[in-house]
């Protein structure tokens, strides 16, 4: 079941949407254009969160907040919890 949303746009934004949809453009309708813009924004937010998590992981390694994996995920998680509780 499609969901719809009603947006109020400034004249400038409406012109931008119109320039990027319809005849001679990549998008047949304004809805297609807006959906693609929203998907792109969502991807960018998700990519930024992933980059932040990777950077946080590197910082943990630099600061010595890691445990070596010895073949048991349960053991590694227990070590992390213990070390985290002890303050690394």
PDB file of N, CA and C in Angstrom:
ATOM      1  N   UNK A   1       0.841  -1.172   0.000  1.00  0.00           N
ATOM      2  CA  UNK A   1       0.000   0.000   0.000  1.00  0.00           C
ATOM      3  C   UNK A   1       0.890   1.240   0.000  1.00  0.00           C
ATOM      4  N   UNK A   2       0.757   2.093  -1.003  1.00  0.00           N
ATOM      5  CA  UNK A   2       1.607   3.277  -1.081  1.00  0.00           C
ATOM      6  C   UNK A   2       1.274   4.278   0.025  1.00  0.00           C
ATOM      7  N   UNK A   3       2.312   4.885   0.531  1.00  0.00           N
ATOM      8  CA  UNK A   3       2.149   5.979   1.485  1.00  0.00           C
ATOM      9  C   UNK A   3       2.364   7.271   0.734  1.00  0.00           C
ATOM     10  N   UNK A   4       1.648   8.288   1.138  1.00  0.00           N
ATOM     11  CA  UNK A   4       1.841   9.579   0.479  1.00  0.00           C
ATOM     12  C   UNK A   4       2.081  10.638   1.532  1.00  0.00           C
ATOM     13  N   UNK A   5       2.713  11.707   1.067  1.00  0.00           N
ATOM     14  CA  UNK A   5       2.999  12.842   1.932  1.00  0.00           C
ATOM     15  C   UNK A   5       2.736  14.098   1.113  1.00  0.00           C
ATOM     16  N   UNK A   6       2.214  15.077   1.757  1.00  0.00           N
ATOM     17  CA  UNK A   6       1.904  16.331   1.089  1.00  0.00           C
ATOM     18  C   UNK A   6       2.932  17.353   1.541  1.00  0.00           C
ATOM     19  N   UNK A   7       3.683  17.921   0.612  1.00  0.00           N
ATOM     20  CA  UNK A   7       4.739  18.863   0.946  1.00  0.00           C
ATOM     21  C   UNK A   7       4.410  20.260   0.452  1.00  0.00           C
ATOM     22  N   UNK A   8       4.767  21.225   1.261  1.00  0.00           N
ATOM     23  CA  UNK A   8       4.704  22.622   0.822  1.00  0.00           C
ATOM     24  C   UNK A   8       6.125  23.041   0.496  1.00  0.00           C
ATOM     25  N   UNK A   9       6.331  23.522  -0.724  1.00  0.00           N
ATOM     26  CA  UNK A   9       7.660  23.922  -1.170  1.00  0.00           C
ATOM     27  C   UNK A   9       7.704  25.413  -1.448  1.00  0.00           C
ATOM     28  N   UNK A  10       8.874  25.982  -1.247  1.00  0.00           N
ATOM     29  CA  UNK A  10       9.064  27.371  -1.670  1.00  0.00           C
ATOM     30  C   UNK A  10       9.058  27.385  -3.196  1.00  0.00           C
ATOM     31  N   UNK A  11       8.887  28.554  -3.760  1.00  0.00           N
ATOM     32  CA  UNK A  11       8.903  28.669  -5.224  1.00  0.00           C
ATOM     33  C   UNK A  11      10.231  28.170  -5.782  1.00  0.00           C
ATOM     34  N   UNK A  12      11.320  28.489  -5.070  1.00  0.00           N
ATOM     35  CA  UNK A  12      12.651  28.074  -5.518  1.00  0.00           C
ATOM     36  C   UNK A  12      12.775  26.550  -5.539  1.00  0.00           C
ATOM     37  N   UNK A  13      12.310  25.884  -4.481  1.00  0.00           N
ATOM     38  CA  UNK A  13      12.383  24.418  -4.438  1.00  0.00           C
ATOM     39  C   UNK A  13      11.451  23.779  -5.473  1.00  0.00           C
ATOM     40  N   UNK A  14      10.288  24.353  -5.659  1.00  0.00           N
ATOM     41  CA  UNK A  14       9.362  23.811  -6.660  1.00  0.00           C
ATOM     42  C   UNK A  14       9.981  23.909  -8.057  1.00  0.00           C
ATOM     43  N   UNK A  15      10.629  25.015  -8.341  1.00  0.00           N
ATOM     44  CA  UNK A  15      11.290  25.186  -9.637  1.00  0.00           C
ATOM     45  C   UNK A  15      12.409  24.147  -9.802  1.00  0.00           C
ATOM     46  N   UNK A  16      13.150  23.908  -8.727  1.00  0.00           N
ATOM     47  CA  UNK A  16      14.216  22.904  -8.757  1.00  0.00           C
ATOM     48  C   UNK A  16      13.651  21.523  -9.056  1.00  0.00           C
ATOM     49  N   UNK A  17      12.572  21.156  -8.404  1.00  0.00           N
ATOM     50  CA  UNK A  17      11.929  19.859  -8.648  1.00  0.00           C
ATOM     51  C   UNK A  17      11.444  19.789 -10.088  1.00  0.00           C
ATOM     52  N   UNK A  18      10.811  20.831 -10.543  1.00  0.00           N
ATOM     53  CA  UNK A  18      10.290  20.854 -11.913  1.00  0.00           C
ATOM     54  C   UNK A  18      11.407  20.750 -12.952  1.00  0.00           C
ATOM     55  N   UNK A  19      12.554  21.394 -12.678  1.00  0.00           N
ATOM     56  CA  UNK A  19      13.680  21.338 -13.613  1.00  0.00           C
ATOM     57  C   UNK A  19      14.278  19.939 -13.691  1.00  0.00           C
ATOM     58  N   UNK A  20      14.098  19.146 -12.644  1.00  0.00           N
ATOM     59  CA  UNK A  20      14.718  17.822 -12.584  1.00  0.00           C
ATOM     60  C   UNK A  20      13.737  16.684 -12.805  1.00  0.00           C
ATOM     61  N   UNK A  21      12.538  17.001 -13.227  1.00  0.00           N
ATOM     62  CA  UNK A  21      11.545  15.962 -13.507  1.00  0.00           C
ATOM     63  C   UNK A  21      10.721  16.374 -14.720  1.00  0.00           C
ATOM     64  N   UNK A  22      10.152  15.372 -15.341  1.00  0.00           N
ATOM     65  CA  UNK A  22       9.318  15.640 -16.505  1.00  0.00           C
ATOM     66  C   UNK A  22      10.081  15.417 -17.799  1.00  0.00           C
ATOM     67  N   UNK A  23       9.556  15.938 -18.882  1.00  0.00           N
ATOM     68  CA  UNK A  23      10.141  15.742 -20.206  1.00  0.00           C
ATOM     69  C   UNK A  23      11.594  16.184 -20.256  1.00  0.00           C
ATOM     70  N   UNK A  24      12.426  15.329 -20.852  1.00  0.00           N
ATOM     71  CA  UNK A  24      13.833  15.653 -21.044  1.00  0.00           C
ATOM     72  C   UNK A  24      14.684  15.506 -19.796  1.00  0.00           C
ATOM     73  N   UNK A  25      14.145  14.908 -18.762  1.00  0.00           N
ATOM     74  CA  UNK A  25      14.931  14.736 -17.535  1.00  0.00           C
ATOM     75  C   UNK A  25      15.033  13.246 -17.203  1.00  0.00           C
ATOM     76  N   UNK A  26      15.812  12.960 -16.194  1.00  0.00           N
ATOM     77  CA  UNK A  26      16.014  11.570 -15.776  1.00  0.00           C
ATOM     78  C   UNK A  26      14.772  11.001 -15.087  1.00  0.00           C
ATOM     79  N   UNK A  27      13.936  11.845 -14.523  1.00  0.00           N
ATOM     80  CA  UNK A  27      12.780  11.418 -13.745  1.00  0.00           C
ATOM     81  C   UNK A  27      11.495  11.820 -14.450  1.00  0.00           C
ATOM     82  N   UNK A  28      10.579  10.885 -14.569  1.00  0.00           N
ATOM     83  CA  UNK A  28       9.321  11.144 -15.267  1.00  0.00           C
ATOM     84  C   UNK A  28       8.392  12.039 -14.452  1.00  0.00           C
ATOM     85  N   UNK A  29       8.462  11.907 -13.131  1.00  0.00           N
ATOM     86  CA  UNK A  29       7.543  12.671 -12.289  1.00  0.00           C
ATOM     87  C   UNK A  29       8.301  13.332 -11.134  1.00  0.00           C
ATOM     88  N   UNK A  30       7.727  14.376 -10.563  1.00  0.00           N
ATOM     89  CA  UNK A  30       8.331  14.980  -9.376  1.00  0.00           C
ATOM     90  C   UNK A  30       8.479  13.963  -8.232  1.00  0.00           C
ATOM     91  N   UNK A  31       7.527  13.055  -8.095  1.00  0.00           N
ATOM     92  CA  UNK A  31       7.600  12.040  -7.040  1.00  0.00           C
ATOM     93  C   UNK A  31       8.834  11.166  -7.190  1.00  0.00           C
ATOM     94  N   UNK A  32       9.131  10.751  -8.417  1.00  0.00           N
ATOM     95  CA  UNK A  32      10.333   9.933  -8.651  1.00  0.00           C
ATOM     96  C   UNK A  32      11.592  10.699  -8.245  1.00  0.00           C
ATOM     97  N   UNK A  33      11.651  11.960  -8.615  1.00  0.00           N
ATOM     98  CA  UNK A  33      12.808  12.786  -8.279  1.00  0.00           C
ATOM     99  C   UNK A  33      12.959  12.929  -6.763  1.00  0.00           C
ATOM    100  N   UNK A  34      11.883  13.276  -6.075  1.00  0.00           N
ATOM    101  CA  UNK A  34      11.942  13.473  -4.628  1.00  0.00           C
ATOM    102  C   UNK A  34      12.303  12.168  -3.928  1.00  0.00           C
ATOM    103  N   UNK A  35      11.740  11.035  -4.363  1.00  0.00           N
ATOM    104  CA  UNK A  35      12.095   9.743  -3.763  1.00  0.00           C
ATOM    105  C   UNK A  35      13.580   9.459  -3.917  1.00  0.00           C
ATOM    106  N   UNK A  36      14.136   9.754  -5.098  1.00  0.00           N
ATOM    107  CA  UNK A  36      15.554   9.498  -5.319  1.00  0.00           C
ATOM    108  C   UNK A  36      16.424  10.417  -4.463  1.00  0.00           C
ATOM    109  N   UNK A  37      16.019  11.671  -4.320  1.00  0.00           N
ATOM    110  CA  UNK A  37      16.751  12.605  -3.455  1.00  0.00           C
ATOM    111  C   UNK A  37      16.727  12.095  -2.013  1.00  0.00           C
ATOM    112  N   UNK A  38      15.583  11.617  -1.558  1.00  0.00           N
ATOM    113  CA  UNK A  38      15.468  11.083  -0.196  1.00  0.00           C
ATOM    114  C   UNK A  38      16.312   9.826  -0.011  1.00  0.00           C
ATOM    115  N   UNK A  39      16.294   8.934  -1.011  1.00  0.00           N
ATOM    116  CA  UNK A  39      17.124   7.719  -0.931  1.00  0.00           C
ATOM    117  C   UNK A  39      18.606   8.084  -0.853  1.00  0.00           C
ATOM    118  N   UNK A  40      19.013   9.061  -1.651  1.00  0.00           N
ATOM    119  CA  UNK A  40      20.413   9.500  -1.641  1.00  0.00           C
ATOM    120  C   UNK A  40      20.784  10.073  -0.276  1.00  0.00           C
ATOM    121  N   UNK A  41      19.910  10.885   0.288  1.00  0.00           N
ATOM    122  CA  UNK A  41      20.160  11.460   1.615  1.00  0.00           C
ATOM    123  C   UNK A  41      20.260  10.353   2.658  1.00  0.00           C
ATOM    124  N   UNK A  42      19.391   9.350   2.579  1.00  0.00           N
ATOM    125  CA  UNK A  42      19.412   8.222   3.508  1.00  0.00           C
ATOM    126  C   UNK A  42      20.729   7.463   3.381  1.00  0.00           C
ATOM    127  N   UNK A  43      21.175   7.207   2.150  1.00  0.00           N
ATOM    128  CA  UNK A  43      22.455   6.515   1.929  1.00  0.00           C
ATOM    129  C   UNK A  43      23.620   7.312   2.518  1.00  0.00           C
ATOM    130  N   UNK A  44      23.596   8.626   2.346  1.00  0.00           N
ATOM    131  CA  UNK A  44      24.667   9.466   2.880  1.00  0.00           C
ATOM    132  C   UNK A  44      24.698   9.428   4.402  1.00  0.00           C
ATOM    133  N   UNK A  45      23.543   9.458   5.031  1.00  0.00           N
ATOM    134  CA  UNK A  45      23.475   9.387   6.494  1.00  0.00           C
ATOM    135  C   UNK A  45      23.992   8.043   6.979  1.00  0.00           C
ATOM    136  N   UNK A  46      23.577   6.963   6.308  1.00  0.00           N
ATOM    137  CA  UNK A  46      24.033   5.625   6.690  1.00  0.00           C
ATOM    138  C   UNK A  46      25.541   5.480   6.484  1.00  0.00           C
ATOM    139  N   UNK A  47      26.066   6.029   5.382  1.00  0.00           N
ATOM    140  CA  UNK A  47      27.503   5.949   5.112  1.00  0.00           C
ATOM    141  C   UNK A  47      28.285   6.744   6.157  1.00  0.00           C
ATOM    142  N   UNK A  48      27.767   7.892   6.560  1.00  0.00           N
ATOM    143  CA  UNK A  48      28.439   8.695   7.588  1.00  0.00           C
ATOM    144  C   UNK A  48      28.470   7.947   8.916  1.00  0.00           C
ATOM    145  N   UNK A  49      27.375   7.273   9.258  1.00  0.00           N
ATOM    146  CA  UNK A  49      27.334   6.495  10.503  1.00  0.00           C
ATOM    147  C   UNK A  49      28.338   5.353  10.447  1.00  0.00           C
ATOM    148  N   UNK A  50      28.448   4.712   9.296  1.00  0.00           N
ATOM    149  CA  UNK A  50      29.412   3.623   9.133  1.00  0.00           C
ATOM    150  C   UNK A  50      30.843   4.145   9.242  1.00  0.00           C
ATOM    151  N   UNK A  51      31.130   5.279   8.592  1.00  0.00           N
ATOM    152  CA  UNK A  51      32.463   5.882   8.707  1.00  0.00           C
ATOM    153  C   UNK A  51      32.793   6.223  10.152  1.00  0.00           C
ATOM    154  N   UNK A  52      31.820   6.790  10.865  1.00  0.00           N
ATOM    155  CA  UNK A  52      32.036   7.129  12.272  1.00  0.00           C
ATOM    156  C   UNK A  52      32.348   5.880  13.098  1.00  0.00           C
ATOM    157  N   UNK A  53      31.647   4.788  12.815  1.00  0.00           N
ATOM    158  CA  UNK A  53      31.882   3.542  13.544  1.00  0.00           C
ATOM    159  C   UNK A  53      33.269   2.984  13.241  1.00  0.00           C
ATOM    160  N   UNK A  54      33.695   3.074  11.995  1.00  0.00           N
ATOM    161  CA  UNK A  54      35.030   2.596  11.625  1.00  0.00           C
ATOM    162  C   UNK A  54      36.098   3.449  12.317  1.00  0.00           C
ATOM    163  N   UNK A  55      35.917   4.755  12.307  1.00  0.00           N
ATOM    164  CA  UNK A  55      36.867   5.648  12.977  1.00  0.00           C
ATOM    165  C   UNK A  55      36.914   5.351  14.469  1.00  0.00           C
ATOM    166  N   UNK A  56      35.752   5.124  15.069  1.00  0.00           N
ATOM    167  CA  UNK A  56      35.706   4.778  16.491  1.00  0.00           C
ATOM    168  C   UNK A  56      36.464   3.470  16.739  1.00  0.00           C
ATOM    169  N   UNK A  57      36.317   2.518  15.831  1.00  0.00           N
ATOM    170  CA  UNK A  57      37.063   1.259  15.962  1.00  0.00           C
ATOM    171  C   UNK A  57      38.566   1.473  15.883  1.00  0.00           C
ATOM    172  N   UNK A  58      39.004   2.300  14.953  1.00  0.00           N
ATOM    173  CA  UNK A  58      40.434   2.608  14.855  1.00  0.00           C
ATOM    174  C   UNK A  58      40.931   3.303  16.129  1.00  0.00           C
ATOM    175  N   UNK A  59      40.120   4.221  16.653  1.00  0.00           N
ATOM    176  CA  UNK A  59      40.514   4.908  17.893  1.00  0.00           C
ATOM    177  C   UNK A  59      40.630   3.918  19.050  1.00  0.00           C
ATOM    178  N   UNK A  60      39.706   2.956  19.098  1.00  0.00           N
ATOM    179  CA  UNK A  60      39.790   1.926  20.141  1.00  0.00           C
ATOM    180  C   UNK A  60      41.096   1.145  20.025  1.00  0.00           C
ATOM    181  N   UNK A  61      41.466   0.796  18.808  1.00  0.00           N
ATOM    182  CA  UNK A  61      42.713   0.046  18.604  1.00  0.00           C
ATOM    183  C   UNK A  61      43.910   0.890  19.038  1.00  0.00           C
ATOM    184  N   UNK A  62      43.939   2.146  18.604  1.00  0.00           N
ATOM    185  CA  UNK A  62      45.045   3.034  18.965  1.00  0.00           C
ATOM    186  C   UNK A  62      45.153   3.176  20.474  1.00  0.00           C
ATOM    187  N   UNK A  63      44.007   3.254  21.156  1.00  0.00           N
ATOM    188  CA  UNK A  63      43.990   3.433  22.610  1.00  0.00           C
ATOM    189  C   UNK A  63      44.091   2.116  23.371  1.00  0.00           C
ATOM    190  N   UNK A  64      44.260   1.010  22.641  1.00  0.00           N
ATOM    191  CA  UNK A  64      44.439  -0.285  23.290  1.00  0.00           C
ATOM    192  C   UNK A  64      43.161  -0.937  23.776  1.00  0.00           C
ATOM    193  N   UNK A  65      42.025  -0.460  23.307  1.00  0.00           N
ATOM    194  CA  UNK A  65      40.748  -1.041  23.714  1.00  0.00           C
ATOM    195  C   UNK A  65      40.321  -2.107  22.701  1.00  0.00           C
ATOM    196  N   UNK A  66      40.985  -3.252  22.791  1.00  0.00           N
ATOM    197  CA  UNK A  66      40.633  -4.366  21.924  1.00  0.00           C
ATOM    198  C   UNK A  66      41.074  -5.661  22.591  1.00  0.00           C
ATOM    199  N   UNK A  67      40.499  -6.750  22.138  1.00  0.00           N
ATOM    200  CA  UNK A  67      40.941  -8.079  22.573  1.00  0.00           C
ATOM    201  C   UNK A  67      41.213  -8.881  21.317  1.00  0.00           C
ATOM    202  N   UNK A  68      42.175  -9.776  21.406  1.00  0.00           N
ATOM    203  CA  UNK A  68      42.484 -10.629  20.269  1.00  0.00           C
ATOM    204  C   UNK A  68      41.457 -11.744  20.180  1.00  0.00           C
ATOM    205  N   UNK A  69      41.044 -12.034  18.974  1.00  0.00           N
ATOM    206  CA  UNK A  69      40.083 -13.102  18.737  1.00  0.00           C
ATOM    207  C   UNK A  69      40.831 -14.427  18.706  1.00  0.00           C
ATOM    208  N   UNK A  70      40.389 -15.357  19.539  1.00  0.00           N
ATOM    209  CA  UNK A  70      41.076 -16.647  19.643  1.00  0.00           C
ATOM    210  C   UNK A  70      40.233 -17.803  19.135  1.00  0.00           C
ATOM    211  N   UNK A  71      39.195 -17.506  18.390  1.00  0.00           N
ATOM    212  CA  UNK A  71      38.356 -18.558  17.833  1.00  0.00           C
ATOM    213  C   UNK A  71      37.022 -18.715  18.536  1.00  0.00           C
ATOM    214  N   UNK A  72      36.833 -18.027  19.648  1.00  0.00           N
ATOM    215  CA  UNK A  72      35.570 -18.113  20.384  1.00  0.00           C
ATOM    216  C   UNK A  72      34.991 -16.709  20.546  1.00  0.00           C
ATOM    217  N   UNK A  73      33.890 -16.465  19.864  1.00  0.00           N
ATOM    218  CA  UNK A  73      33.248 -15.163  19.959  1.00  0.00           C
ATOM    219  C   UNK A  73      32.740 -14.915  21.379  1.00  0.00           C
ATOM    220  N   UNK A  74      32.191 -15.943  22.004  1.00  0.00           N
ATOM    221  CA  UNK A  74      31.708 -15.796  23.381  1.00  0.00           C
ATOM    222  C   UNK A  74      32.851 -15.399  24.322  1.00  0.00           C
ATOM    223  N   UNK A  75      33.996 -16.018  24.144  1.00  0.00           N
ATOM    224  CA  UNK A  75      35.163 -15.711  24.970  1.00  0.00           C
ATOM    225  C   UNK A  75      35.614 -14.263  24.734  1.00  0.00           C
ATOM    226  N   UNK A  76      35.640 -13.847  23.471  1.00  0.00           N
ATOM    227  CA  UNK A  76      36.050 -12.477  23.139  1.00  0.00           C
ATOM    228  C   UNK A  76      35.080 -11.469  23.742  1.00  0.00           C
ATOM    229  N   UNK A  77      33.777 -11.734  23.646  1.00  0.00           N
ATOM    230  CA  UNK A  77      32.783 -10.822  24.214  1.00  0.00           C
ATOM    231  C   UNK A  77      32.928 -10.747  25.723  1.00  0.00           C
ATOM    232  N   UNK A  78      33.147 -11.898  26.358  1.00  0.00           N
ATOM    233  CA  UNK A  78      33.347 -11.908  27.813  1.00  0.00           C
ATOM    234  C   UNK A  78      34.578 -11.093  28.194  1.00  0.00           C
ATOM    235  N   UNK A  79      35.652 -11.216  27.418  1.00  0.00           N
ATOM    236  CA  UNK A  79      36.864 -10.430  27.689  1.00  0.00           C
ATOM    237  C   UNK A  79      36.611  -8.937  27.544  1.00  0.00           C
ATOM    238  N   UNK A  80      35.870  -8.558  26.510  1.00  0.00           N
ATOM    239  CA  UNK A  80      35.556  -7.144  26.303  1.00  0.00           C
ATOM    240  C   UNK A  80      34.728  -6.623  27.478  1.00  0.00           C
ATOM    241  N   UNK A  81      33.705  -7.375  27.872  1.00  0.00           N
ATOM    242  CA  UNK A  81      32.870  -6.944  28.998  1.00  0.00           C
ATOM    243  C   UNK A  81      33.700  -6.821  30.270  1.00  0.00           C
ATOM    244  N   UNK A  82      34.562  -7.788  30.525  1.00  0.00           N
ATOM    245  CA  UNK A  82      35.399  -7.753  31.731  1.00  0.00           C
ATOM    246  C   UNK A  82      36.321  -6.539  31.694  1.00  0.00           C
ATOM    247  N   UNK A  83      36.994  -6.349  30.561  1.00  0.00           N
ATOM    248  CA  UNK A  83      37.924  -5.231  30.459  1.00  0.00           C
ATOM    249  C   UNK A  83      37.203  -3.886  30.517  1.00  0.00           C
ATOM    250  N   UNK A  84      36.011  -3.835  29.921  1.00  0.00           N
ATOM    251  CA  UNK A  84      35.230  -2.598  29.959  1.00  0.00           C
ATOM    252  C   UNK A  84      34.825  -2.292  31.405  1.00  0.00           C
ATOM    253  N   UNK A  85      34.422  -3.319  32.134  1.00  0.00           N
ATOM    254  CA  UNK A  85      34.030  -3.150  33.542  1.00  0.00           C
ATOM    255  C   UNK A  85      35.229  -2.692  34.380  1.00  0.00           C
ATOM    256  N   UNK A  86      36.399  -3.193  34.049  1.00  0.00           N
ATOM    257  CA  UNK A  86      37.619  -2.852  34.793  1.00  0.00           C
ATOM    258  C   UNK A  86      38.214  -1.518  34.342  1.00  0.00           C
ATOM    259  N   UNK A  87      37.695  -0.965  33.278  1.00  0.00           N
ATOM    260  CA  UNK A  87      38.190   0.319  32.787  1.00  0.00           C
ATOM    261  C   UNK A  87      39.377   0.212  31.837  1.00  0.00           C
ATOM    262  N   UNK A  88      39.534  -0.918  31.202  1.00  0.00           N
ATOM    263  CA  UNK A  88      40.605  -1.174  30.238  1.00  0.00           C
ATOM    264  C   UNK A  88      41.913  -0.931  30.922  1.00  0.00           C
TER     265      UNK A  88
END
